[in-house]
Amino acid sequence: MSARFGAARPDDDPAANFARRVSYLIDPSGTVRRAYEVTDIPAHPGELLDDLRALREA
């Protein structure tokens, strides 16, 4: 599953047993509007909510 959603790490990565932190903003029709590789965990929810608000206003 992690490979299908772009969260798998390469086999030679020291953290290969752990998925990368990724999330997706998906609109009501099922279209992926944005993909995130999460590097700043505490800031990510705010970034996602800002993008969600922007989509709702568009």
N, C-alpha and C. Protein backbone atom coordinates (compact mmCIF):
# COMPACT_ATOMS: atom_id res chain seq x y z
N MET A 1 0.83 -1.18 0.00
CA MET A 1 0.00 0.00 0.00
C MET A 1 0.88 1.26 0.00
N SER A 2 1.94 1.22 0.79
CA SER A 2 2.78 2.42 0.86
C SER A 2 3.43 2.72 -0.49
N ALA A 3 3.78 1.71 -1.26
CA ALA A 3 4.36 1.95 -2.58
C ALA A 3 3.32 2.59 -3.50
N ARG A 4 2.11 2.12 -3.43
CA ARG A 4 1.05 2.64 -4.30
C ARG A 4 0.77 4.12 -4.04
N PHE A 5 0.89 4.54 -2.79
CA PHE A 5 0.60 5.92 -2.44
C PHE A 5 1.85 6.79 -2.29
N GLY A 6 2.99 6.29 -2.72
CA GLY A 6 4.21 7.09 -2.72
C GLY A 6 4.86 7.27 -1.37
N ALA A 7 4.55 6.39 -0.42
CA ALA A 7 5.11 6.53 0.92
C ALA A 7 6.24 5.55 1.20
N ALA A 8 6.47 4.61 0.31
CA ALA A 8 7.52 3.62 0.53
C ALA A 8 8.90 4.26 0.38
N ARG A 9 9.81 3.78 1.17
CA ARG A 9 11.21 4.23 1.06
C ARG A 9 11.98 3.18 0.26
N PRO A 10 13.08 3.59 -0.38
CA PRO A 10 13.90 2.61 -1.10
C PRO A 10 14.46 1.55 -0.15
N ASP A 11 14.70 0.36 -0.66
CA ASP A 11 15.22 -0.74 0.15
C ASP A 11 16.54 -0.42 0.83
N ASP A 12 17.36 0.45 0.20
CA ASP A 12 18.67 0.77 0.78
C ASP A 12 18.61 1.93 1.78
N ASP A 13 17.44 2.48 2.01
CA ASP A 13 17.26 3.55 2.99
C ASP A 13 17.37 2.95 4.39
N PRO A 14 18.14 3.58 5.30
CA PRO A 14 18.24 3.05 6.67
C PRO A 14 16.88 2.95 7.38
N ALA A 15 15.92 3.74 6.95
CA ALA A 15 14.58 3.71 7.55
C ALA A 15 13.57 3.02 6.63
N ALA A 16 14.05 2.05 5.84
CA ALA A 16 13.20 1.39 4.84
C ALA A 16 11.97 0.72 5.44
N ASN A 17 12.03 0.35 6.71
CA ASN A 17 10.88 -0.30 7.35
C ASN A 17 9.78 0.68 7.75
N PHE A 18 10.04 1.96 7.57
CA PHE A 18 9.08 2.99 7.96
C PHE A 18 8.63 3.77 6.74
N ALA A 19 7.33 4.00 6.63
CA ALA A 19 6.80 4.78 5.51
C ALA A 19 7.17 6.25 5.67
N ARG A 20 7.32 6.93 4.51
CA ARG A 20 7.50 8.39 4.55
C ARG A 20 6.17 9.01 4.96
N ARG A 21 6.22 10.19 5.50
CA ARG A 21 5.00 10.90 5.89
C ARG A 21 4.49 11.68 4.69
N VAL A 22 3.39 11.21 4.14
CA VAL A 22 2.74 11.88 3.02
C VAL A 22 1.25 11.99 3.31
N SER A 23 0.64 13.02 2.76
CA SER A 23 -0.81 13.14 2.86
C SER A 23 -1.30 13.78 1.57
N TYR A 24 -2.60 13.68 1.36
CA TYR A 24 -3.21 14.15 0.12
C TYR A 24 -4.45 14.96 0.44
N LEU A 25 -4.64 16.03 -0.31
CA LEU A 25 -5.86 16.82 -0.23
C LEU A 25 -6.72 16.37 -1.40
N ILE A 26 -7.86 15.77 -1.11
CA ILE A 26 -8.73 15.18 -2.12
C ILE A 26 -10.07 15.92 -2.09
N ASP A 27 -10.52 16.38 -3.26
CA ASP A 27 -11.78 17.12 -3.30
C ASP A 27 -12.98 16.16 -3.28
N PRO A 28 -14.19 16.69 -3.13
CA PRO A 28 -15.37 15.83 -3.01
C PRO A 28 -15.60 14.89 -4.20
N SER A 29 -15.07 15.25 -5.37
CA SER A 29 -15.24 14.38 -6.54
C SER A 29 -14.18 13.28 -6.60
N GLY A 30 -13.23 13.29 -5.65
CA GLY A 30 -12.20 12.26 -5.60
C GLY A 30 -10.91 12.62 -6.31
N THR A 31 -10.80 13.87 -6.76
CA THR A 31 -9.59 14.33 -7.44
C THR A 31 -8.54 14.76 -6.41
N VAL A 32 -7.32 14.25 -6.56
CA VAL A 32 -6.22 14.68 -5.68
C VAL A 32 -5.84 16.08 -6.10
N ARG A 33 -6.05 17.02 -5.20
CA ARG A 33 -5.75 18.42 -5.49
C ARG A 33 -4.34 18.80 -5.11
N ARG A 34 -3.78 18.11 -4.12
CA ARG A 34 -2.40 18.39 -3.72
C ARG A 34 -1.85 17.21 -2.95
N ALA A 35 -0.58 16.93 -3.17
CA ALA A 35 0.13 15.90 -2.42
C ALA A 35 1.19 16.59 -1.58
N TYR A 36 1.36 16.11 -0.38
CA TYR A 36 2.31 16.71 0.56
C TYR A 36 3.30 15.66 1.03
N GLU A 37 4.58 15.98 0.97
CA GLU A 37 5.58 15.19 1.68
C GLU A 37 5.83 15.96 2.97
N VAL A 38 5.36 15.43 4.05
CA VAL A 38 5.34 16.14 5.32
C VAL A 38 6.74 16.12 5.94
N THR A 39 7.33 17.31 6.07
CA THR A 39 8.65 17.43 6.69
C THR A 39 8.56 18.20 8.00
N ASP A 40 7.58 19.07 8.13
CA ASP A 40 7.38 19.84 9.35
C ASP A 40 6.03 19.41 9.94
N ILE A 41 6.07 18.40 10.79
CA ILE A 41 4.84 17.78 11.30
C ILE A 41 3.95 18.79 12.04
N PRO A 42 4.46 19.61 12.93
CA PRO A 42 3.57 20.54 13.63
C PRO A 42 2.93 21.58 12.70
N ALA A 43 3.60 21.97 11.62
CA ALA A 43 3.08 23.00 10.71
C ALA A 43 2.12 22.42 9.67
N HIS A 44 2.17 21.13 9.44
CA HIS A 44 1.40 20.53 8.36
C HIS A 44 -0.11 20.76 8.46
N PRO A 45 -0.75 20.58 9.61
CA PRO A 45 -2.20 20.80 9.66
C PRO A 45 -2.60 22.21 9.23
N GLY A 46 -1.85 23.21 9.62
CA GLY A 46 -2.15 24.58 9.22
C GLY A 46 -2.01 24.77 7.72
N GLU A 47 -0.96 24.19 7.14
CA GLU A 47 -0.75 24.28 5.70
C GLU A 47 -1.92 23.63 4.96
N LEU A 48 -2.32 22.46 5.41
CA LEU A 48 -3.42 21.75 4.79
C LEU A 48 -4.72 22.53 4.90
N LEU A 49 -5.00 23.08 6.07
CA LEU A 49 -6.23 23.86 6.25
C LEU A 49 -6.22 25.12 5.39
N ASP A 50 -5.08 25.78 5.25
CA ASP A 50 -4.98 26.95 4.37
C ASP A 50 -5.30 26.57 2.93
N ASP A 51 -4.76 25.44 2.48
CA ASP A 51 -5.02 24.99 1.11
C ASP A 51 -6.49 24.61 0.93
N LEU A 52 -7.08 23.98 1.94
CA LEU A 52 -8.49 23.62 1.88
C LEU A 52 -9.37 24.88 1.78
N ARG A 53 -9.06 25.88 2.59
CA ARG A 53 -9.82 27.14 2.52
C ARG A 53 -9.69 27.78 1.14
N ALA A 54 -8.48 27.77 0.59
CA ALA A 54 -8.26 28.35 -0.74
C ALA A 54 -9.08 27.62 -1.80
N LEU A 55 -9.17 26.31 -1.70
CA LEU A 55 -9.96 25.54 -2.67
C LEU A 55 -11.45 25.88 -2.53
N ARG A 56 -11.90 26.03 -1.32
CA ARG A 56 -13.32 26.34 -1.09
C ARG A 56 -13.69 27.72 -1.62
N GLU A 57 -12.73 28.65 -1.61
CA GLU A 57 -12.98 30.02 -2.09
C GLU A 57 -12.86 30.12 -3.60
N ALA A 58 -12.23 29.14 -4.22
CA ALA A 58 -12.01 29.20 -5.68
C ALA A 58 -13.27 28.86 -6.45
